[in-house]
Amino acid sequence: MALKAIHVSDVPYLDHVPENAAFTLYSSTQFKNHPKGNKDANSLSFKPINKFQVIGHRGNGMNKLCSADPRMKAIKENSLQSFNAAAAFDVDFVEFDVQVTKDGIPIIFHDDFILTEENGTLSERKVTELTLPDFLCYGPQREPGIVGKSLFRKTKDGRICNWKVENDDSLCTLQEAFQNVDSSLGFNIELKFDDYIDYQEEELVQVLQVILQVVYEYANGRPIIFSTFQPDAAGVIRKLQNIYPVFFLTDGGSDVYKDVRRNSLDEAIKLCLANGLQGIVSEVKAIFRNPGEITRIKDSNLLLMTYGQLNNVQEAVYLQHLMGVDGVIVDFVKEIVEVVTDITKPITDNENEYVSVEKGEKEVIRRPKFSQHELSFLLKLIPNLIQY
């Protein structure tokens, strides 16, 4: 993709969008002026959401190909089939990863490199250096009788796995997701960038403009969240538009990066406030290790969501609900939707309950039903996470 030397300050706001563009995070959530004040008079924030959000990770869950759990290999991640499968379980959003091809088309794919086998030898190519036709030739093909290139995947520990799942699907573009996924389902669009590249501002601007053009043309009122681990990209997407909320992704210090803005929840809060972002998406372990940060995040008028494998454990999700976390990104969509529905539904007469009295007002609170084994695990969970 040819780059033109431009500066973000020279780019007009891309906020002249169709009248039906989405202005809310959730149907009941309205934007308001940022309470801290901002040089941009149109700067937007939003009121605290009144519904605990469940977000499907890469649709109906990521593919962990070396896992013994069949749920991690049930449906191809980041695919139309996966998004629509998640929608059947009443999730609020699906999260997916967007990159831009060499010829300027936003596509949905997580990894920086795509692997295949040719003549008995594994080869890999960087996704952003492929044209759209090159990218789409991997994996299952939509046209009958055409066989795509095989797909493999490298794990974090260096193992190579054949990318085979029970229900496979073709690779897809961002536009196809808008056109073929239930329009009531929110999209959490992760803006994916290579951790090992120092991007120039003009590169970020051009990539993000291309993505925004597709969003503006095809969103049609669909709830949208932008998120990214790339600190500068978070600031740039916020400057380019004030329609959709922007969240900063962080692992909260689990890994150490050259860019200190990525290394703690404290730095994440600073970045959000400096750039007028609306929230943080943290690795869940960072929240459990530093529960006091939740108060700081809330006092900063920021929303907080989490991701990570612990979000597939119902006790961990319930605990976050109690702690004030606003939502969770999960792989086991069906199971976590069920437990969240259970812990947030109105109390019925035959359920265990207790009464909390605060400022003279009685509030009936439902008591969750966990087995003794589950309760034991819950009690051990937090100390272990804080220690390690």
Foldseek 3Di string as FASTA:
>chain_A
DDFDDDFLVPADAPAPFDPLAAQAQAPVKHWDDDPVDDPPRLATEIDADPAFAEEAELAQAAAPPPDPDQLNQAEHGVALVRNQVLVVQPGQAYEFEWFAACVGFIWTDADQWWWFADPNDIDIDGRNDHDPVRQQQEDDDPDPPRHGTWTWDADPVGDIGGNHGNHYDTTGTPLVNLVRHPLQHAYAYEHDDDQPDDDDNSVLLSGLVSVVVSCRVRNSRHNYEYEYCDLSNQLSNVSNYNRHAYEYEEQAQPDDGPPCCRHHLVSRLVSCLVRVGAAYEYALLNCLLCVVVVVVCVVSNHAYEYEDACLQPQLSVVVVVVSRHRYYHYNNSNVNSVSSCVQPPDDDPPFDWDWDADPNDIDIHGDDDDDPVSVVCSVPPSVVSNVD
